[in-house]
Amino acid sequence: MSTFLTQSAPNTSTSMAPTFLLVGMPGLSAVPSWWAIAILTVYLLSALGNGAILWIIALEPVLHRPMYFFLFLLSVSDVGLTAVLMPTLLGLALADAHAVPASACLLQMFFIHVFSVMESSMLLTMALDRALAICRPLHFPTLLTSGIVSKICLAIAFRCLGLHLPLPFLLAHMPYCRPQVLTHSYCLHPGVVRLACPGAWAAVYSLFVVLSAMVLDPMLIFLSYGLIGRVLQGLGSSGDRWKAGQTCAAHLCAVPLFYVPMILLALIDRLRVPVPQPAHTLLSYVHFLLPPLINPVLYSVKLREMRQRILKRLQPRKVGCVQ
């Protein structure tokens, strides 16, 4: 890796070089086979778990409701995110391939952030769904109709695609004053923006896009659960409070799992906190790879209806004997 750095260090070009260099996890080049096995295991388990969620929701008509439709889209975002991360992760693990073409880097960057913002949007939408279901149970069917759900999906699609589509084009034509060495194992636009010359206005746009998911979504989720908590306190029976709270249990676990590493990464990057490179890289792996792995377990275990449908599908069917 040191040769890559020394080769790119003298580069003072003000235009984007044909390749970016990925740092990866220091020290893992000595054990590439074990590292590749670990990455493949995480990917396959994530694909299996999220695939099961998608399969069950698609096949069971009783699950064709807003809450499970949002869960379906959450699993889509998890599948897409892990699939987009794999090329560079496996390239580093199997072939110690640090160099990635600039066009491929920008394409990976675009899809990573599209699926990340999609996941954040779905977590926010699911929190609002639970808040409406618990705070306005009698009006819930009329508040969240299929037409409203369609409009929510269109708004999320615009947010994911519309906000991120300009970034690859802006970054491709931005002047660069630093060596094109990225501190992660994949391409992220805060890392690419940091390499630009001072005064590049694309950096402001990048910050706006990041803050929209990192600040706005957690604040609205926190507000939603504040309303839910106030309603639960007013319920007379502890059994009713427990039953209502159980519908939010999986989501309450998924929210910090996604946002805490993301916020820590953003603070480290923006405030230039001196964190060792292995710890920084490991935190980014936790942020991007752990939620797709854990979310299917959370939702299949905590949601009773989902758990029952999965077990029903897994049970062997009884075939009657013909006399």
Protein backbone atom coordinates (compact mmCIF):
# COMPACT_ATOMS: atom_id res chain seq x y z
CA MET A 1 0.00 0.00 0.00
CA SER A 2 2.91 2.33 0.69
CA THR A 3 3.87 2.16 -2.99
CA PHE A 4 0.40 3.36 -3.95
CA LEU A 5 0.70 6.32 -1.62
CA THR A 6 4.13 7.32 -2.83
CA GLN A 7 3.06 7.03 -6.44
CA SER A 8 0.02 9.27 -5.96
CA ALA A 9 1.57 11.78 -3.57
CA PRO A 10 3.26 13.96 -6.19
CA ASN A 11 0.01 14.35 -8.11
CA THR A 12 -0.82 18.06 -8.18
CA SER A 13 -3.29 17.90 -11.06
CA THR A 14 -6.40 20.00 -10.68
CA SER A 15 -8.56 17.45 -12.51
CA MET A 16 -9.73 14.03 -11.36
CA ALA A 17 -7.14 11.28 -11.83
CA PRO A 18 -8.25 8.05 -13.58
CA THR A 19 -8.09 6.03 -10.35
CA PHE A 20 -8.79 6.35 -6.63
CA LEU A 21 -6.84 4.42 -3.99
CA LEU A 22 -8.67 2.68 -1.14
CA VAL A 23 -6.91 2.20 2.19
CA GLY A 24 -8.94 -0.73 3.54
CA MET A 25 -8.20 -2.38 6.89
CA PRO A 26 -4.48 -2.15 7.73
CA GLY A 27 -2.81 -5.50 8.43
CA LEU A 28 -5.44 -7.68 6.76
CA SER A 29 -3.44 -8.14 3.56
CA ALA A 30 -1.46 -10.81 5.44
CA VAL A 31 -4.60 -12.92 5.98
CA PRO A 32 -6.71 -12.32 2.84
CA SER A 33 -8.46 -15.71 2.82
CA TRP A 34 -9.85 -15.39 6.35
CA TRP A 35 -10.94 -11.82 5.72
CA ALA A 36 -12.67 -12.79 2.46
CA ILE A 37 -14.49 -15.66 4.22
CA ALA A 38 -15.75 -13.27 6.91
CA ILE A 39 -17.01 -10.74 4.35
CA LEU A 40 -18.69 -13.42 2.23
CA THR A 41 -20.33 -14.91 5.33
CA VAL A 42 -21.77 -11.54 6.34
CA TYR A 43 -22.99 -10.92 2.80
CA LEU A 44 -24.62 -14.35 2.39
CA LEU A 45 -26.31 -14.20 5.81
CA SER A 46 -27.58 -10.69 5.06
CA ALA A 47 -28.90 -11.77 1.66
CA LEU A 48 -30.53 -14.87 3.16
CA GLY A 49 -32.19 -12.98 6.02
CA ASN A 50 -33.45 -10.08 3.94
CA GLY A 51 -34.45 -12.45 1.13
CA ALA A 52 -36.60 -14.37 3.64
CA ILE A 53 -38.28 -11.12 4.73
CA LEU A 54 -39.00 -10.16 1.11
CA TRP A 55 -40.27 -13.67 0.31
CA ILE A 56 -42.64 -13.88 3.28
CA ILE A 57 -44.11 -10.40 2.80
CA ALA A 58 -44.61 -10.99 -0.94
CA LEU A 59 -46.33 -14.35 -0.46
CA GLU A 60 -48.55 -13.63 2.57
CA PRO A 61 -51.61 -11.47 1.76
CA VAL A 62 -52.18 -10.81 5.46
CA LEU A 63 -48.86 -8.92 5.52
CA HIS A 64 -49.84 -6.60 2.66
CA ARG A 65 -50.20 -3.65 5.01
CA PRO A 66 -48.26 -0.35 5.26
CA MET A 67 -46.04 -1.48 8.15
CA TYR A 68 -44.86 -4.59 6.29
CA PHE A 69 -44.60 -2.76 2.98
CA PHE A 70 -42.17 -0.33 4.64
CA LEU A 71 -40.30 -3.31 6.10
CA PHE A 72 -40.15 -4.78 2.57
CA LEU A 73 -38.50 -1.59 1.29
CA LEU A 74 -36.12 -1.57 4.26
CA SER A 75 -34.96 -5.06 3.27
CA VAL A 76 -34.57 -3.92 -0.35
CA SER A 77 -32.25 -1.13 0.83
CA ASP A 78 -30.24 -3.60 2.95
CA VAL A 79 -29.84 -6.03 0.05
CA GLY A 80 -28.81 -3.22 -2.31
CA LEU A 81 -26.34 -1.71 0.16
CA THR A 82 -24.45 -4.95 0.85
CA ALA A 83 -24.36 -5.83 -2.87
CA VAL A 84 -22.84 -2.43 -3.76
CA LEU A 85 -20.17 -2.71 -1.06
CA MET A 86 -18.96 -6.17 -2.04
CA PRO A 87 -16.86 -5.41 -5.19
CA THR A 88 -14.28 -3.24 -3.44
CA LEU A 89 -14.41 -5.17 -0.14
CA LEU A 90 -13.74 -8.48 -1.88
CA GLY A 91 -11.16 -6.86 -4.18
CA LEU A 92 -9.21 -5.70 -1.14
CA ALA A 93 -9.63 -9.00 0.71
CA LEU A 94 -8.86 -11.39 -2.17
CA ALA A 95 -6.45 -9.48 -4.43
CA ASP A 96 -5.25 -6.55 -2.27
CA ALA A 97 -6.67 -4.35 -5.06
CA HIS A 98 -6.44 -0.80 -3.72
CA ALA A 99 -6.83 0.98 -7.05
CA VAL A 100 -10.37 1.52 -8.37
CA PRO A 101 -11.29 3.38 -11.59
CA ALA A 102 -12.69 6.84 -10.95
CA SER A 103 -15.91 6.09 -12.89
CA ALA A 104 -16.50 2.89 -10.88
CA CYS A 105 -15.74 4.77 -7.65
CA LEU A 106 -18.29 7.49 -8.41
CA LEU A 107 -20.89 4.87 -9.39
CA GLN A 108 -20.34 2.93 -6.16
CA MET A 109 -20.47 6.18 -4.17
CA PHE A 110 -23.82 7.08 -5.76
CA PHE A 111 -25.49 3.74 -4.97
CA ILE A 112 -24.04 3.47 -1.46
CA HIS A 113 -25.56 6.81 -0.52
CA VAL A 114 -28.83 6.11 -2.35
CA PHE A 115 -29.38 2.89 -0.40
CA SER A 116 -28.17 4.45 2.87
CA VAL A 117 -30.59 7.37 2.56
CA MET A 118 -33.31 4.93 1.51
CA GLU A 119 -32.71 2.96 4.72
CA SER A 120 -32.77 6.12 6.81
CA SER A 121 -35.99 7.22 5.08
CA MET A 122 -37.61 3.86 5.73
CA LEU A 123 -36.67 3.94 9.42
CA LEU A 124 -38.25 7.39 9.66
CA THR A 125 -41.37 6.27 7.77
CA MET A 126 -41.74 3.20 9.99
CA ALA A 127 -41.48 5.39 13.10
CA LEU A 128 -44.21 7.71 11.76
CA ASP A 129 -46.31 4.65 10.89
CA ARG A 130 -46.07 3.35 14.48
CA ALA A 131 -46.80 6.81 15.88
CA LEU A 132 -49.99 7.09 13.82
CA ALA A 133 -51.06 3.51 14.67
CA ILE A 134 -50.64 4.05 18.43
CA CYS A 135 -51.61 7.72 18.78
CA ARG A 136 -54.53 7.66 16.30
CA PRO A 137 -55.68 4.02 16.15
CA LEU A 138 -59.25 4.81 15.05
CA HIS A 139 -58.18 7.14 12.25
CA PHE A 140 -55.13 5.12 11.18
CA PRO A 141 -56.80 3.30 8.22
CA THR A 142 -57.94 6.62 6.74
CA LEU A 143 -54.67 8.43 7.49
CA LEU A 144 -52.37 5.90 5.82
CA THR A 145 -54.24 4.83 2.70
CA SER A 146 -52.64 3.20 -0.34
CA GLY A 147 -52.63 6.59 -2.06
CA ILE A 148 -50.71 8.18 0.82
CA VAL A 149 -48.27 5.25 0.87
CA SER A 150 -47.64 5.73 -2.86
CA LYS A 151 -46.92 9.43 -2.34
CA ILE A 152 -44.54 8.61 0.52
CA CYS A 153 -42.67 6.19 -1.76
CA LEU A 154 -42.41 8.82 -4.50
CA ALA A 155 -41.06 11.35 -2.01
CA ILE A 156 -38.46 8.83 -0.79
CA ALA A 157 -37.46 8.01 -4.38
CA PHE A 158 -37.00 11.71 -5.14
CA ARG A 159 -35.00 12.18 -1.96
CA CYS A 160 -32.69 9.23 -2.71
CA LEU A 161 -32.21 9.78 -6.43
CA GLY A 162 -32.84 13.48 -6.89
CA LEU A 163 -30.53 14.67 -4.12
CA HIS A 164 -27.68 12.30 -4.96
CA LEU A 165 -27.78 12.31 -8.76
CA PRO A 166 -25.91 15.64 -9.12
CA LEU A 167 -23.05 14.59 -6.82
CA PRO A 168 -21.13 12.22 -9.16
CA PHE A 169 -21.22 14.83 -11.94
CA LEU A 170 -20.15 17.63 -9.61
CA LEU A 171 -17.32 15.56 -8.17
CA ALA A 172 -16.14 14.41 -11.60
CA HIS A 173 -15.59 18.03 -12.71
CA MET A 174 -14.27 19.35 -9.42
CA PRO A 175 -10.62 20.50 -9.09
CA TYR A 176 -8.48 18.27 -6.83
CA CYS A 177 -5.48 19.48 -4.85
CA ARG A 178 -4.71 16.34 -2.81
CA PRO A 179 -3.71 12.76 -3.69
CA GLN A 180 -6.81 10.68 -4.50
CA VAL A 181 -6.44 8.32 -1.54
CA LEU A 182 -9.67 7.42 0.31
CA THR A 183 -9.63 6.36 3.95
CA HIS A 184 -12.32 3.67 3.60
CA SER A 185 -12.69 0.37 1.77
CA TYR A 186 -15.30 1.89 -0.55
CA CYS A 187 -16.08 5.25 -2.12
CA LEU A 188 -18.04 7.75 0.00
CA HIS A 189 -18.68 11.30 -1.10
CA PRO A 190 -17.41 12.99 2.12
CA GLY A 191 -14.06 11.28 1.49
CA VAL A 192 -13.97 12.35 -2.16
CA VAL A 193 -15.02 15.93 -1.33
CA ARG A 194 -12.19 16.20 1.21
CA LEU A 195 -9.66 15.75 -1.61
CA ALA A 196 -11.00 18.76 -3.52
CA CYS A 197 -9.37 22.16 -3.67
CA PRO A 198 -10.55 24.68 -1.04
CA GLY A 199 -13.65 26.61 -2.01
CA ALA A 200 -15.29 23.88 -4.08
CA TRP A 201 -19.01 24.52 -3.65
CA ALA A 202 -19.80 20.83 -4.14
CA ALA A 203 -18.55 20.36 -0.57
CA VAL A 204 -21.44 22.50 0.70
CA TYR A 205 -23.94 20.46 -1.30
CA SER A 206 -22.40 17.22 0.03
CA LEU A 207 -22.70 18.48 3.61
CA PHE A 208 -26.36 19.37 3.06
CA VAL A 209 -27.11 15.86 1.74
CA VAL A 210 -25.35 14.18 4.65
CA LEU A 211 -27.00 16.35 7.31
CA SER A 212 -30.48 15.73 5.89
CA ALA A 213 -30.18 12.06 6.85
CA MET A 214 -27.89 12.39 9.86
CA VAL A 215 -29.79 15.15 11.69
CA LEU A 216 -33.33 15.51 10.33
CA ASP A 217 -34.31 11.84 10.31
CA PRO A 218 -33.15 10.99 13.87
CA MET A 219 -34.84 14.15 15.20
CA LEU A 220 -38.18 13.20 13.62
CA ILE A 221 -37.83 9.59 14.83
CA PHE A 222 -37.11 10.86 18.35
CA LEU A 223 -40.18 13.12 18.16
CA SER A 224 -42.34 10.19 16.96
CA TYR A 225 -41.29 8.02 19.89
CA GLY A 226 -41.82 10.91 22.27
CA LEU A 227 -45.46 11.01 21.13
CA ILE A 228 -45.73 7.23 21.41
CA GLY A 229 -44.29 7.30 24.95
CA ARG A 230 -46.80 9.93 26.04
CA VAL A 231 -49.70 7.87 24.71
CA LEU A 232 -48.41 4.68 26.35
CA GLN A 233 -48.19 6.43 29.71
CA GLY A 234 -51.88 7.24 29.45
CA LEU A 235 -52.94 3.62 28.92
CA GLY A 236 -54.55 2.17 32.02
CA SER A 237 -53.45 -1.45 31.66
CA SER A 238 -49.82 -2.52 31.79
CA GLY A 239 -50.77 -5.33 29.40
CA ASP A 240 -51.98 -2.80 26.83
CA ARG A 241 -48.77 -0.81 27.21
CA TRP A 242 -46.69 -3.96 26.74
CA LYS A 243 -48.68 -5.05 23.69
CA ALA A 244 -48.39 -1.63 22.04
CA GLY A 245 -44.72 -1.32 22.94
CA GLN A 246 -43.88 -4.70 21.42
CA THR A 247 -44.86 -3.46 17.97
CA CYS A 248 -42.06 -0.87 18.28
CA ALA A 249 -39.41 -3.11 19.89
CA ALA A 250 -37.67 -4.20 16.69
CA HIS A 251 -37.64 -0.68 15.31
CA LEU A 252 -36.26 0.72 18.57
CA CYS A 253 -33.32 -1.68 18.24
CA ALA A 254 -32.78 -0.99 14.52
CA VAL A 255 -32.65 2.81 14.88
CA PRO A 256 -29.55 3.13 17.14
CA LEU A 257 -27.88 0.27 15.24
CA PHE A 258 -28.03 2.41 12.09
CA TYR A 259 -27.61 5.97 13.37
CA VAL A 260 -25.06 5.71 16.20
CA PRO A 261 -22.15 4.48 13.99
CA MET A 262 -23.17 6.90 11.23
CA ILE A 263 -23.13 9.92 13.57
CA LEU A 264 -19.82 8.83 15.14
CA LEU A 265 -18.25 8.47 11.68
CA ALA A 266 -19.53 11.88 10.63
CA LEU A 267 -18.18 13.53 13.79
CA ILE A 268 -14.78 11.85 13.36
CA ASP A 269 -14.56 12.97 9.73
CA ARG A 270 -15.85 16.53 10.20
CA LEU A 271 -13.97 17.31 13.44
CA ARG A 272 -10.79 15.51 12.28
CA VAL A 273 -10.71 13.43 15.49
CA PRO A 274 -7.38 11.51 15.64
CA VAL A 275 -8.74 7.95 15.62
CA PRO A 276 -6.49 4.98 14.67
CA GLN A 277 -7.13 3.86 11.10
CA PRO A 278 -8.18 0.28 12.06
CA ALA A 279 -10.78 1.63 14.53
CA HIS A 280 -12.06 4.12 11.94
CA THR A 281 -12.38 1.42 9.28
CA LEU A 282 -14.00 -1.04 11.67
CA LEU A 283 -16.61 1.57 12.67
CA SER A 284 -17.49 2.08 9.00
CA TYR A 285 -17.90 -1.70 8.57
CA VAL A 286 -20.21 -1.76 11.59
CA HIS A 287 -22.29 1.07 10.12
CA PHE A 288 -22.68 -0.41 6.64
CA LEU A 289 -22.61 -4.19 7.23
CA LEU A 290 -24.15 -4.79 10.65
CA PRO A 291 -27.70 -3.36 10.11
CA PRO A 292 -28.36 -5.52 6.98
CA LEU A 293 -27.21 -8.54 8.99
CA ILE A 294 -29.16 -7.82 12.19
CA ASN A 295 -32.37 -6.20 10.89
CA PRO A 296 -33.91 -9.44 9.52
CA VAL A 297 -33.28 -11.14 12.88
CA LEU A 298 -34.82 -8.25 14.82
CA TYR A 299 -37.97 -8.03 12.73
CA SER A 300 -38.53 -11.77 12.35
CA VAL A 301 -38.13 -12.34 16.12
CA LYS A 302 -39.84 -9.26 17.54
CA LEU A 303 -42.83 -9.07 15.17
CA ARG A 304 -45.14 -11.90 16.21
CA GLU A 305 -47.07 -11.94 12.95
CA MET A 306 -43.89 -12.11 10.89
CA ARG A 307 -42.48 -14.86 13.11
CA GLN A 308 -45.64 -16.94 12.81
CA ARG A 309 -45.73 -16.65 9.02
CA ILE A 310 -42.08 -17.66 8.70
CA LEU A 311 -42.57 -20.70 10.94
CA LYS A 312 -45.71 -21.66 9.04
CA ARG A 313 -43.85 -21.56 5.73
CA LEU A 314 -40.97 -23.58 7.14
CA GLN A 315 -43.18 -26.35 8.55
CA PRO A 316 -43.54 -29.38 6.25
CA ARG A 317 -46.99 -29.66 4.73
CA LYS A 318 -49.05 -32.68 5.73
CA VAL A 319 -50.17 -34.78 2.78
CA GLY A 320 -53.31 -36.76 3.35
CA CYS A 321 -53.34 -40.48 2.50
CA VAL A 322 -55.49 -41.57 -0.40
CA GLN A 323 -57.48 -44.72 0.32
